[in-house]
Full PDB file with SEQRES, HELIX, SHEET, SSBOND, CRYST1, ORIGX, SCALE, CONECT and MASTER records, all heavy atoms in Angstrom:
SEQRES   1 A   37  MET SER GLU VAL GLY ILE VAL ASP MET GLU ILE TYR LEU          
SEQRES   2 A   37  PHE ASP ASN ARG LEU PHE MET ILE MET ASP THR VAL PRO          
SEQRES   3 A   37  GLU PHE ASP HIS ASP SER ALA MET ALA GLU LEU                  
HELIX    1 AA1 HIS A   30  GLU A   36  1                                   7    
SHEET    1 AA1 2 ILE A   6  PHE A  14  0                                        
SHEET    2 AA1 2 ARG A  17  THR A  24 -1                                        
CRYST1    1.000    1.000    1.000  90.00  90.00  90.00 P 1           1          
ORIGX1      1.000000  0.000000  0.000000        0.00000                         
ORIGX2      0.000000  1.000000  0.000000        0.00000                         
ORIGX3      0.000000  0.000000  1.000000        0.00000                         
SCALE1      1.000000  0.000000  0.000000        0.00000                         
SCALE2      0.000000  1.000000  0.000000        0.00000                         
SCALE3      0.000000  0.000000  1.000000        0.00000                         
ATOM      1  N   MET A   1      62.244  29.812  20.834  1.00  0.00           N  
ATOM      2  CA  MET A   1      62.253  28.656  20.110  1.00  0.00           C  
ATOM      3  C   MET A   1      63.178  27.640  20.780  1.00  0.00           C  
ATOM      4  O   MET A   1      62.876  26.341  20.969  1.00  0.00           O  
ATOM      5  CB  MET A   1      62.506  28.713  18.597  1.00  0.00           C  
ATOM      6  CG  MET A   1      61.434  29.359  17.924  1.00  0.00           C  
ATOM      7  SD  MET A   1      61.562  29.375  16.177  1.00  0.00           S  
ATOM      8  CE  MET A   1      62.926  30.520  15.861  1.00  0.00           C  
ATOM      9  N   SER A   2      64.465  28.104  21.014  1.00  0.00           N  
ATOM     10  CA  SER A   2      65.418  27.207  21.635  1.00  0.00           C  
ATOM     11  C   SER A   2      65.063  26.751  23.007  1.00  0.00           C  
ATOM     12  O   SER A   2      65.225  25.571  23.363  1.00  0.00           O  
ATOM     13  CB  SER A   2      66.739  28.004  21.809  1.00  0.00           C  
ATOM     14  OG  SER A   2      67.406  28.306  20.554  1.00  0.00           O  
ATOM     15  N   GLU A   3      64.282  27.708  23.798  1.00  0.00           N  
ATOM     16  CA  GLU A   3      63.968  27.394  25.201  1.00  0.00           C  
ATOM     17  C   GLU A   3      62.987  26.292  25.208  1.00  0.00           C  
ATOM     18  O   GLU A   3      62.811  25.521  26.182  1.00  0.00           O  
ATOM     19  CB  GLU A   3      63.479  28.645  25.905  1.00  0.00           C  
ATOM     20  CG  GLU A   3      64.490  29.551  26.251  1.00  0.00           C  
ATOM     21  CD  GLU A   3      64.120  30.879  26.811  1.00  0.00           C  
ATOM     22  OE1 GLU A   3      62.807  31.170  26.843  1.00  0.00           O  
ATOM     23  OE2 GLU A   3      64.940  31.679  27.124  1.00  0.00           O  
ATOM     24  N   VAL A   4      62.041  26.195  24.188  1.00  0.00           N  
ATOM     25  CA  VAL A   4      61.046  25.204  24.142  1.00  0.00           C  
ATOM     26  C   VAL A   4      61.473  23.748  23.598  1.00  0.00           C  
ATOM     27  O   VAL A   4      60.822  22.793  23.458  1.00  0.00           O  
ATOM     28  CB  VAL A   4      59.602  25.588  23.428  1.00  0.00           C  
ATOM     29  CG1 VAL A   4      59.173  26.836  24.218  1.00  0.00           C  
ATOM     30  CG2 VAL A   4      59.779  25.799  22.005  1.00  0.00           C  
ATOM     31  N   GLY A   5      62.766  23.777  22.987  1.00  0.00           N  
ATOM     32  CA  GLY A   5      63.305  22.552  22.529  1.00  0.00           C  
ATOM     33  C   GLY A   5      63.460  22.530  21.025  1.00  0.00           C  
ATOM     34  O   GLY A   5      63.803  21.287  20.493  1.00  0.00           O  
ATOM     35  N   ILE A   6      63.377  23.544  20.332  1.00  0.00           N  
ATOM     36  CA  ILE A   6      63.626  23.538  18.837  1.00  0.00           C  
ATOM     37  C   ILE A   6      65.060  23.777  18.759  1.00  0.00           C  
ATOM     38  O   ILE A   6      65.640  24.763  19.234  1.00  0.00           O  
ATOM     39  CB  ILE A   6      62.769  24.654  18.177  1.00  0.00           C  
ATOM     40  CG1 ILE A   6      61.196  24.417  18.312  1.00  0.00           C  
ATOM     41  CG2 ILE A   6      63.127  24.603  16.643  1.00  0.00           C  
ATOM     42  CD1 ILE A   6      60.353  25.519  17.948  1.00  0.00           C  
ATOM     43  N   VAL A   7      65.735  22.783  18.052  1.00  0.00           N  
ATOM     44  CA  VAL A   7      67.221  23.046  17.969  1.00  0.00           C  
ATOM     45  C   VAL A   7      67.686  23.426  16.659  1.00  0.00           C  
ATOM     46  O   VAL A   7      68.720  24.081  16.547  1.00  0.00           O  
ATOM     47  CB  VAL A   7      67.895  21.628  18.218  1.00  0.00           C  
ATOM     48  CG1 VAL A   7      67.738  21.150  19.653  1.00  0.00           C  
ATOM     49  CG2 VAL A   7      67.437  20.517  17.290  1.00  0.00           C  
ATOM     50  N   ASP A   8      66.783  23.409  15.584  1.00  0.00           N  
ATOM     51  CA  ASP A   8      67.135  23.964  14.302  1.00  0.00           C  
ATOM     52  C   ASP A   8      65.877  24.147  13.500  1.00  0.00           C  
ATOM     53  O   ASP A   8      64.931  23.474  13.702  1.00  0.00           O  
ATOM     54  CB  ASP A   8      68.018  23.069  13.450  1.00  0.00           C  
ATOM     55  CG  ASP A   8      68.775  23.697  12.307  1.00  0.00           C  
ATOM     56  OD1 ASP A   8      68.763  25.014  12.357  1.00  0.00           O  
ATOM     57  OD2 ASP A   8      69.334  23.055  11.624  1.00  0.00           O  
ATOM     58  N   MET A   9      65.809  25.062  12.626  1.00  0.00           N  
ATOM     59  CA  MET A   9      64.588  25.366  11.807  1.00  0.00           C  
ATOM     60  C   MET A   9      65.088  25.973  10.564  1.00  0.00           C  
ATOM     61  O   MET A   9      66.057  26.736  10.376  1.00  0.00           O  
ATOM     62  CB  MET A   9      63.696  26.331  12.531  1.00  0.00           C  
ATOM     63  CG  MET A   9      62.485  26.641  11.713  1.00  0.00           C  
ATOM     64  SD  MET A   9      61.510  27.865  12.463  1.00  0.00           S  
ATOM     65  CE  MET A   9      60.841  26.971  13.798  1.00  0.00           C  
ATOM     66  N   GLU A  10      64.517  25.500   9.332  1.00  0.00           N  
ATOM     67  CA  GLU A  10      64.796  26.157   8.005  1.00  0.00           C  
ATOM     68  C   GLU A  10      63.460  26.301   7.426  1.00  0.00           C  
ATOM     69  O   GLU A  10      62.417  25.536   7.629  1.00  0.00           O  
ATOM     70  CB  GLU A  10      65.516  25.081   7.227  1.00  0.00           C  
ATOM     71  CG  GLU A  10      66.859  24.701   7.633  1.00  0.00           C  
ATOM     72  CD  GLU A  10      67.599  23.738   6.789  1.00  0.00           C  
ATOM     73  OE1 GLU A  10      67.037  23.281   5.759  1.00  0.00           O  
ATOM     74  OE2 GLU A  10      68.726  23.260   7.168  1.00  0.00           O  
ATOM     75  N   ILE A  11      63.326  27.371   6.724  1.00  0.00           N  
ATOM     76  CA  ILE A  11      62.072  27.715   5.981  1.00  0.00           C  
ATOM     77  C   ILE A  11      62.437  27.913   4.502  1.00  0.00           C  
ATOM     78  O   ILE A  11      63.347  28.647   4.177  1.00  0.00           O  
ATOM     79  CB  ILE A  11      61.420  29.017   6.534  1.00  0.00           C  
ATOM     80  CG1 ILE A  11      61.045  28.795   7.981  1.00  0.00           C  
ATOM     81  CG2 ILE A  11      60.193  29.374   5.644  1.00  0.00           C  
ATOM     82  CD1 ILE A  11      60.574  30.139   8.592  1.00  0.00           C  
ATOM     83  N   TYR A  12      61.677  27.169   3.685  1.00  0.00           N  
ATOM     84  CA  TYR A  12      61.815  27.336   2.199  1.00  0.00           C  
ATOM     85  C   TYR A  12      60.613  28.063   1.600  1.00  0.00           C  
ATOM     86  O   TYR A  12      59.508  27.868   2.111  1.00  0.00           O  
ATOM     87  CB  TYR A  12      61.959  25.849   1.571  1.00  0.00           C  
ATOM     88  CG  TYR A  12      63.245  25.227   2.076  1.00  0.00           C  
ATOM     89  CD1 TYR A  12      63.253  24.522   3.271  1.00  0.00           C  
ATOM     90  CD2 TYR A  12      64.436  25.244   1.261  1.00  0.00           C  
ATOM     91  CE1 TYR A  12      64.574  23.859   3.771  1.00  0.00           C  
ATOM     92  CE2 TYR A  12      65.580  24.701   1.772  1.00  0.00           C  
ATOM     93  CZ  TYR A  12      65.655  23.891   2.975  1.00  0.00           C  
ATOM     94  OH  TYR A  12      66.819  23.364   3.429  1.00  0.00           O  
ATOM     95  N   LEU A  13      60.823  28.619   0.510  1.00  0.00           N  
ATOM     96  CA  LEU A  13      59.808  29.337  -0.270  1.00  0.00           C  
ATOM     97  C   LEU A  13      59.744  28.831  -1.606  1.00  0.00           C  
ATOM     98  O   LEU A  13      60.656  28.648  -2.367  1.00  0.00           O  
ATOM     99  CB  LEU A  13      60.057  30.903  -0.138  1.00  0.00           C  
ATOM    100  CG  LEU A  13      59.251  31.709  -1.089  1.00  0.00           C  
ATOM    101  CD1 LEU A  13      57.943  31.880  -0.442  1.00  0.00           C  
ATOM    102  CD2 LEU A  13      59.977  33.028  -1.113  1.00  0.00           C  
ATOM    103  N   PHE A  14      58.468  28.632  -2.109  1.00  0.00           N  
ATOM    104  CA  PHE A  14      58.104  28.355  -3.552  1.00  0.00           C  
ATOM    105  C   PHE A  14      56.873  29.157  -3.864  1.00  0.00           C  
ATOM    106  O   PHE A  14      55.874  28.899  -3.183  1.00  0.00           O  
ATOM    107  CB  PHE A  14      57.923  26.875  -3.753  1.00  0.00           C  
ATOM    108  CG  PHE A  14      57.559  26.630  -5.145  1.00  0.00           C  
ATOM    109  CD1 PHE A  14      58.355  26.597  -6.252  1.00  0.00           C  
ATOM    110  CD2 PHE A  14      56.112  26.333  -5.510  1.00  0.00           C  
ATOM    111  CE1 PHE A  14      57.969  26.387  -7.483  1.00  0.00           C  
ATOM    112  CE2 PHE A  14      55.644  26.210  -6.798  1.00  0.00           C  
ATOM    113  CZ  PHE A  14      56.662  26.275  -7.825  1.00  0.00           C  
ATOM    114  N   ASP A  15      57.057  30.123  -4.707  1.00  0.00           N  
ATOM    115  CA  ASP A  15      56.009  30.952  -5.044  1.00  0.00           C  
ATOM    116  C   ASP A  15      55.530  31.752  -3.849  1.00  0.00           C  
ATOM    117  O   ASP A  15      56.240  32.535  -3.228  1.00  0.00           O  
ATOM    118  CB  ASP A  15      54.788  30.224  -5.805  1.00  0.00           C  
ATOM    119  CG  ASP A  15      53.664  31.090  -6.412  1.00  0.00           C  
ATOM    120  OD1 ASP A  15      54.136  32.259  -6.827  1.00  0.00           O  
ATOM    121  OD2 ASP A  15      52.644  30.785  -6.472  1.00  0.00           O  
ATOM    122  N   ASN A  16      54.221  31.498  -3.297  1.00  0.00           N  
ATOM    123  CA  ASN A  16      53.817  32.129  -2.025  1.00  0.00           C  
ATOM    124  C   ASN A  16      53.620  31.068  -1.052  1.00  0.00           C  
ATOM    125  O   ASN A  16      52.948  31.311   0.000  1.00  0.00           O  
ATOM    126  CB  ASN A  16      52.607  32.946  -2.323  1.00  0.00           C  
ATOM    127  CG  ASN A  16      51.259  32.110  -2.621  1.00  0.00           C  
ATOM    128  OD1 ASN A  16      51.526  31.136  -3.381  1.00  0.00           O  
ATOM    129  ND2 ASN A  16      50.319  32.624  -2.036  1.00  0.00           N  
ATOM    130  N   ARG A  17      54.276  29.819  -1.184  1.00  0.00           N  
ATOM    131  CA  ARG A  17      54.102  28.716  -0.123  1.00  0.00           C  
ATOM    132  C   ARG A  17      55.268  28.591   0.471  1.00  0.00           C  
ATOM    133  O   ARG A  17      56.358  28.370   0.013  1.00  0.00           O  
ATOM    134  CB  ARG A  17      53.634  27.463  -0.972  1.00  0.00           C  
ATOM    135  CG  ARG A  17      53.696  26.158  -0.215  1.00  0.00           C  
ATOM    136  CD  ARG A  17      52.519  26.136   0.872  1.00  0.00           C  
ATOM    137  NE  ARG A  17      51.308  25.838   0.300  1.00  0.00           N  
ATOM    138  CZ  ARG A  17      50.133  25.831   1.081  1.00  0.00           C  
ATOM    139  NH1 ARG A  17      50.239  26.081   2.327  1.00  0.00           N  
ATOM    140  NH2 ARG A  17      49.121  25.517   0.396  1.00  0.00           N  
ATOM    141  N   LEU A  18      55.205  28.501   1.856  1.00  0.00           N  
ATOM    142  CA  LEU A  18      56.273  28.181   2.734  1.00  0.00           C  
ATOM    143  C   LEU A  18      56.345  26.773   3.160  1.00  0.00           C  
ATOM    144  O   LEU A  18      55.299  26.205   3.406  1.00  0.00           O  
ATOM    145  CB  LEU A  18      56.270  29.196   3.998  1.00  0.00           C  
ATOM    146  CG  LEU A  18      56.358  30.618   3.740  1.00  0.00           C  
ATOM    147  CD1 LEU A  18      56.244  31.414   4.999  1.00  0.00           C  
ATOM    148  CD2 LEU A  18      57.713  30.953   3.030  1.00  0.00           C  
ATOM    149  N   PHE A  19      57.522  26.383   3.323  1.00  0.00           N  
ATOM    150  CA  PHE A  19      57.768  24.904   3.958  1.00  0.00           C  
ATOM    151  C   PHE A  19      58.696  24.960   5.028  1.00  0.00           C  
ATOM    152  O   PHE A  19      59.872  25.502   4.742  1.00  0.00           O  
ATOM    153  CB  PHE A  19      58.187  24.012   2.811  1.00  0.00           C  
ATOM    154  CG  PHE A  19      58.594  22.638   3.292  1.00  0.00           C  
ATOM    155  CD1 PHE A  19      57.746  21.702   3.742  1.00  0.00           C  
ATOM    156  CD2 PHE A  19      59.928  22.275   3.210  1.00  0.00           C  
ATOM    157  CE1 PHE A  19      58.115  20.470   4.091  1.00  0.00           C  
ATOM    158  CE2 PHE A  19      60.362  20.974   3.658  1.00  0.00           C  
ATOM    159  CZ  PHE A  19      59.432  20.109   4.156  1.00  0.00           C  
ATOM    160  N   MET A  20      58.504  24.523   6.133  1.00  0.00           N  
ATOM    161  CA  MET A  20      59.421  24.632   7.295  1.00  0.00           C  
ATOM    162  C   MET A  20      59.944  23.143   7.725  1.00  0.00           C  
ATOM    163  O   MET A  20      59.007  22.277   7.777  1.00  0.00           O  
ATOM    164  CB  MET A  20      58.620  25.218   8.588  1.00  0.00           C  
ATOM    165  CG  MET A  20      59.515  25.300   9.814  1.00  0.00           C  
ATOM    166  SD  MET A  20      58.406  25.644  11.273  1.00  0.00           S  
ATOM    167  CE  MET A  20      58.060  27.278  10.978  1.00  0.00           C  
ATOM    168  N   ILE A  21      61.060  23.121   8.010  1.00  0.00           N  
ATOM    169  CA  ILE A  21      61.549  21.919   8.578  1.00  0.00           C  
ATOM    170  C   ILE A  21      62.071  22.245  10.033  1.00  0.00           C  
ATOM    171  O   ILE A  21      62.849  23.171  10.090  1.00  0.00           O  
ATOM    172  CB  ILE A  21      62.760  21.325   7.902  1.00  0.00           C  
ATOM    173  CG1 ILE A  21      62.440  21.067   6.424  1.00  0.00           C  
ATOM    174  CG2 ILE A  21      63.334  20.157   8.645  1.00  0.00           C  
ATOM    175  CD1 ILE A  21      63.526  20.572   5.485  1.00  0.00           C  
ATOM    176  N   MET A  22      61.510  21.603  10.949  1.00  0.00           N  
ATOM    177  CA  MET A  22      61.821  21.962  12.438  1.00  0.00           C  
ATOM    178  C   MET A  22      62.379  20.837  13.137  1.00  0.00           C  
ATOM    179  O   MET A  22      61.574  19.766  13.229  1.00  0.00           O  
ATOM    180  CB  MET A  22      60.440  22.540  13.158  1.00  0.00           C  
ATOM    181  CG  MET A  22      60.632  22.993  14.403  1.00  0.00           C  
ATOM    182  SD  MET A  22      59.103  23.721  15.100  1.00  0.00           S  
ATOM    183  CE  MET A  22      58.189  22.172  15.510  1.00  0.00           C  
ATOM    184  N   ASP A  23      63.552  20.840  13.643  1.00  0.00           N  
ATOM    185  CA  ASP A  23      64.248  19.728  14.305  1.00  0.00           C  
ATOM    186  C   ASP A  23      64.177  20.080  15.722  1.00  0.00           C  
ATOM    187  O   ASP A  23      64.486  21.167  16.202  1.00  0.00           O  
ATOM    188  CB  ASP A  23      65.596  19.488  13.904  1.00  0.00           C  
ATOM    189  CG  ASP A  23      65.573  18.978  12.484  1.00  0.00           C  
ATOM    190  OD1 ASP A  23      64.776  18.373  11.999  1.00  0.00           O  
ATOM    191  OD2 ASP A  23      66.722  19.206  11.658  1.00  0.00           O  
ATOM    192  N   THR A  24      63.807  19.052  16.592  1.00  0.00           N  
ATOM    193  CA  THR A  24      63.677  19.415  18.013  1.00  0.00           C  
ATOM    194  C   THR A  24      64.349  18.326  18.868  1.00  0.00           C  
ATOM    195  O   THR A  24      64.876  17.256  18.412  1.00  0.00           O  
ATOM    196  CB  THR A  24      62.108  19.277  18.393  1.00  0.00           C  
ATOM    197  OG1 THR A  24      61.611  17.947  18.318  1.00  0.00           O  
ATOM    198  CG2 THR A  24      61.261  20.207  17.585  1.00  0.00           C  
ATOM    199  N   VAL A  25      64.464  18.588  20.193  1.00  0.00           N  
ATOM    200  CA  VAL A  25      65.002  17.582  21.149  1.00  0.00           C  
ATOM    201  C   VAL A  25      64.098  16.408  21.030  1.00  0.00           C  
ATOM    202  O   VAL A  25      62.946  16.331  20.768  1.00  0.00           O  
ATOM    203  CB  VAL A  25      65.135  18.107  22.517  1.00  0.00           C  
ATOM    204  CG1 VAL A  25      66.030  19.284  22.609  1.00  0.00           C  
ATOM    205  CG2 VAL A  25      63.715  18.601  23.120  1.00  0.00           C  
ATOM    206  N   PRO A  26      64.648  15.118  21.358  1.00  0.00           N  
ATOM    207  CA  PRO A  26      63.932  13.933  21.337  1.00  0.00           C  
ATOM    208  C   PRO A  26      62.593  13.816  22.166  1.00  0.00           C  
ATOM    209  O   PRO A  26      61.690  13.285  21.681  1.00  0.00           O  
ATOM    210  CB  PRO A  26      64.968  12.912  21.816  1.00  0.00           C  
ATOM    211  CG  PRO A  26      66.317  13.512  21.604  1.00  0.00           C  
ATOM    212  CD  PRO A  26      66.085  14.932  21.715  1.00  0.00           C  
ATOM    213  N   GLU A  27      62.564  14.512  23.391  1.00  0.00           N  
ATOM    214  CA  GLU A  27      61.543  14.488  24.260  1.00  0.00           C  
ATOM    215  C   GLU A  27      60.477  15.591  24.014  1.00  0.00           C  
ATOM    216  O   GLU A  27      59.499  15.744  24.719  1.00  0.00           O  
ATOM    217  CB  GLU A  27      61.952  14.621  25.725  1.00  0.00           C  
ATOM    218  CG  GLU A  27      62.613  15.888  26.038  1.00  0.00           C  
ATOM    219  CD  GLU A  27      64.138  15.932  25.761  1.00  0.00           C  
ATOM    220  OE1 GLU A  27      64.725  15.030  24.987  1.00  0.00           O  
ATOM    221  OE2 GLU A  27      64.833  16.862  26.226  1.00  0.00           O  
ATOM    222  N   PHE A  28      60.624  16.233  22.755  1.00  0.00           N  
ATOM    223  CA  PHE A  28      59.775  17.319  22.459  1.00  0.00           C  
ATOM    224  C   PHE A  28      58.295  16.936  22.244  1.00  0.00           C  
ATOM    225  O   PHE A  28      58.027  15.871  21.697  1.00  0.00           O  
ATOM    226  CB  PHE A  28      60.236  17.854  20.987  1.00  0.00           C  
ATOM    227  CG  PHE A  28      59.614  19.143  20.635  1.00  0.00           C  
ATOM    228  CD1 PHE A  28      60.007  20.387  21.034  1.00  0.00           C  
ATOM    229  CD2 PHE A  28      58.559  19.217  19.707  1.00  0.00           C  
ATOM    230  CE1 PHE A  28      59.489  21.582  20.580  1.00  0.00           C  
ATOM    231  CE2 PHE A  28      58.055  20.275  19.213  1.00  0.00           C  
ATOM    232  CZ  PHE A  28      58.429  21.627  19.713  1.00  0.00           C  
ATOM    233  N   ASP A  29      57.387  17.571  23.052  1.00  0.00           N  
ATOM    234  CA  ASP A  29      55.857  17.446  22.803  1.00  0.00           C  
ATOM    235  C   ASP A  29      55.358  18.672  22.041  1.00  0.00           C  
ATOM    236  O   ASP A  29      55.346  19.750  22.543  1.00  0.00           O  
ATOM    237  CB  ASP A  29      55.246  17.233  24.167  1.00  0.00           C  
ATOM    238  CG  ASP A  29      53.822  17.172  24.078  1.00  0.00           C  
ATOM    239  OD1 ASP A  29      53.269  15.930  23.961  1.00  0.00           O  
ATOM    240  OD2 ASP A  29      53.037  18.116  23.998  1.00  0.00           O  
ATOM    241  N   HIS A  30      55.015  18.437  20.833  1.00  0.00           N  
ATOM    242  CA  HIS A  30      54.709  19.507  19.973  1.00  0.00           C  
ATOM    243  C   HIS A  30      53.531  20.387  20.557  1.00  0.00           C  
ATOM    244  O   HIS A  30      53.721  21.620  20.549  1.00  0.00           O  
ATOM    245  CB  HIS A  30      54.066  19.036  18.550  1.00  0.00           C  
ATOM    246  CG  HIS A  30      53.874  20.035  17.641  1.00  0.00           C  
ATOM    247  ND1 HIS A  30      52.681  20.620  17.483  1.00  0.00           N  
ATOM    248  CD2 HIS A  30      54.597  20.654  16.710  1.00  0.00           C  
ATOM    249  CE1 HIS A  30      52.573  21.571  16.498  1.00  0.00           C  
ATOM    250  NE2 HIS A  30      53.799  21.553  16.013  1.00  0.00           N  
ATOM    251  N   ASP A  31      52.479  19.859  20.954  1.00  0.00           N  
ATOM    252  CA  ASP A  31      51.372  20.712  21.492  1.00  0.00           C  
ATOM    253  C   ASP A  31      51.738  21.489  22.742  1.00  0.00           C  
ATOM    254  O   ASP A  31      51.548  22.805  22.791  1.00  0.00           O  
ATOM    255  CB  ASP A  31      50.128  19.916  21.802  1.00  0.00           C  
ATOM    256  CG  ASP A  31      49.504  19.202  20.521  1.00  0.00           C  
ATOM    257  OD1 ASP A  31      49.942  19.676  19.307  1.00  0.00           O  
ATOM    258  OD2 ASP A  31      48.672  18.341  20.608  1.00  0.00           O  
ATOM    259  N   SER A  32      52.358  20.951  23.683  1.00  0.00           N  
ATOM    260  CA  SER A  32      52.708  21.770  24.864  1.00  0.00           C  
ATOM    261  C   SER A  32      53.810  22.639  24.553  1.00  0.00           C  
ATOM    262  O   SER A  32      53.840  23.943  25.105  1.00  0.00           O  
ATOM    263  CB  SER A  32      53.172  20.864  26.024  1.00  0.00           C  
ATOM    264  OG  SER A  32      54.298  20.058  25.696  1.00  0.00           O  
ATOM    265  N   ALA A  33      54.878  22.463  23.752  1.00  0.00           N  
ATOM    266  CA  ALA A  33      55.757  23.258  23.338  1.00  0.00           C  
ATOM    267  C   ALA A  33      55.338  24.475  22.510  1.00  0.00           C  
ATOM    268  O   ALA A  33      55.599  25.638  22.793  1.00  0.00           O  
ATOM    269  CB  ALA A  33      56.863  22.713  22.453  1.00  0.00           C  
ATOM    270  N   MET A  34      54.334  24.239  21.744  1.00  0.00           N  
ATOM    271  CA  MET A  34      53.814  25.375  20.902  1.00  0.00           C  
ATOM    272  C   MET A  34      53.009  26.306  21.877  1.00  0.00           C  
ATOM    273  O   MET A  34      53.006  27.467  21.694  1.00  0.00           O  
ATOM    274  CB  MET A  34      52.889  24.905  19.814  1.00  0.00           C  
ATOM    275  CG  MET A  34      53.686  24.263  18.625  1.00  0.00           C  
ATOM    276  SD  MET A  34      54.948  25.224  17.833  1.00  0.00           S  
ATOM    277  CE  MET A  34      56.419  24.718  18.557  1.00  0.00           C  
ATOM    278  N   ALA A  35      52.260  25.772  22.914  1.00  0.00           N  
ATOM    279  CA  ALA A  35      51.586  26.494  23.926  1.00  0.00           C  
ATOM    280  C   ALA A  35      52.442  27.297  24.740  1.00  0.00           C  
ATOM    281  O   ALA A  35      52.201  28.547  25.046  1.00  0.00           O  
ATOM    282  CB  ALA A  35      50.697  25.514  24.654  1.00  0.00           C  
ATOM    283  N   GLU A  36      53.661  26.686  25.047  1.00  0.00           N  
ATOM    284  CA  GLU A  36      54.562  27.489  25.867  1.00  0.00           C  
ATOM    285  C   GLU A  36      55.267  28.614  24.983  1.00  0.00           C  
ATOM    286  O   GLU A  36      55.512  29.718  25.396  1.00  0.00           O  
ATOM    287  CB  GLU A  36      55.726  26.499  26.230  1.00  0.00           C  
ATOM    288  CG  GLU A  36      56.739  27.103  27.269  1.00  0.00           C  
ATOM    289  CD  GLU A  36      57.813  26.190  27.526  1.00  0.00           C  
ATOM    290  OE1 GLU A  36      57.655  24.871  27.474  1.00  0.00           O  
ATOM    291  OE2 GLU A  36      59.003  26.623  27.958  1.00  0.00           O  
ATOM    292  N   LEU A  37      55.604  28.308  23.726  1.00  0.00           N  
ATOM    293  CA  LEU A  37      56.234  29.285  22.796  1.00  0.00           C  
ATOM    294  C   LEU A  37      55.268  30.447  22.625  1.00  0.00           C  
ATOM    295  O   LEU A  37      55.849  31.642  22.696  1.00  0.00           O  
ATOM    296  CB  LEU A  37      56.449  28.614  21.542  1.00  0.00           C  
ATOM    297  CG  LEU A  37      57.133  29.508  20.398  1.00  0.00           C  
ATOM    298  CD1 LEU A  37      58.484  29.900  20.844  1.00  0.00           C  
ATOM    299  CD2 LEU A  37      57.207  28.889  19.126  1.00  0.00           C  
TER     300      LEU A  37                                                      
MASTER        0    0    0    1    2    0    0    6  299    1    0    3          
END                                                                             
């Protein structure tokens, strides 16, 4: 995750639903980073 530009991540839980907050470097391209990950 760090190598593709994710600098911090938090996951929260309510019942059986997860909520993620993902902070990335400013030049982060979501689709290409997820493919690389």
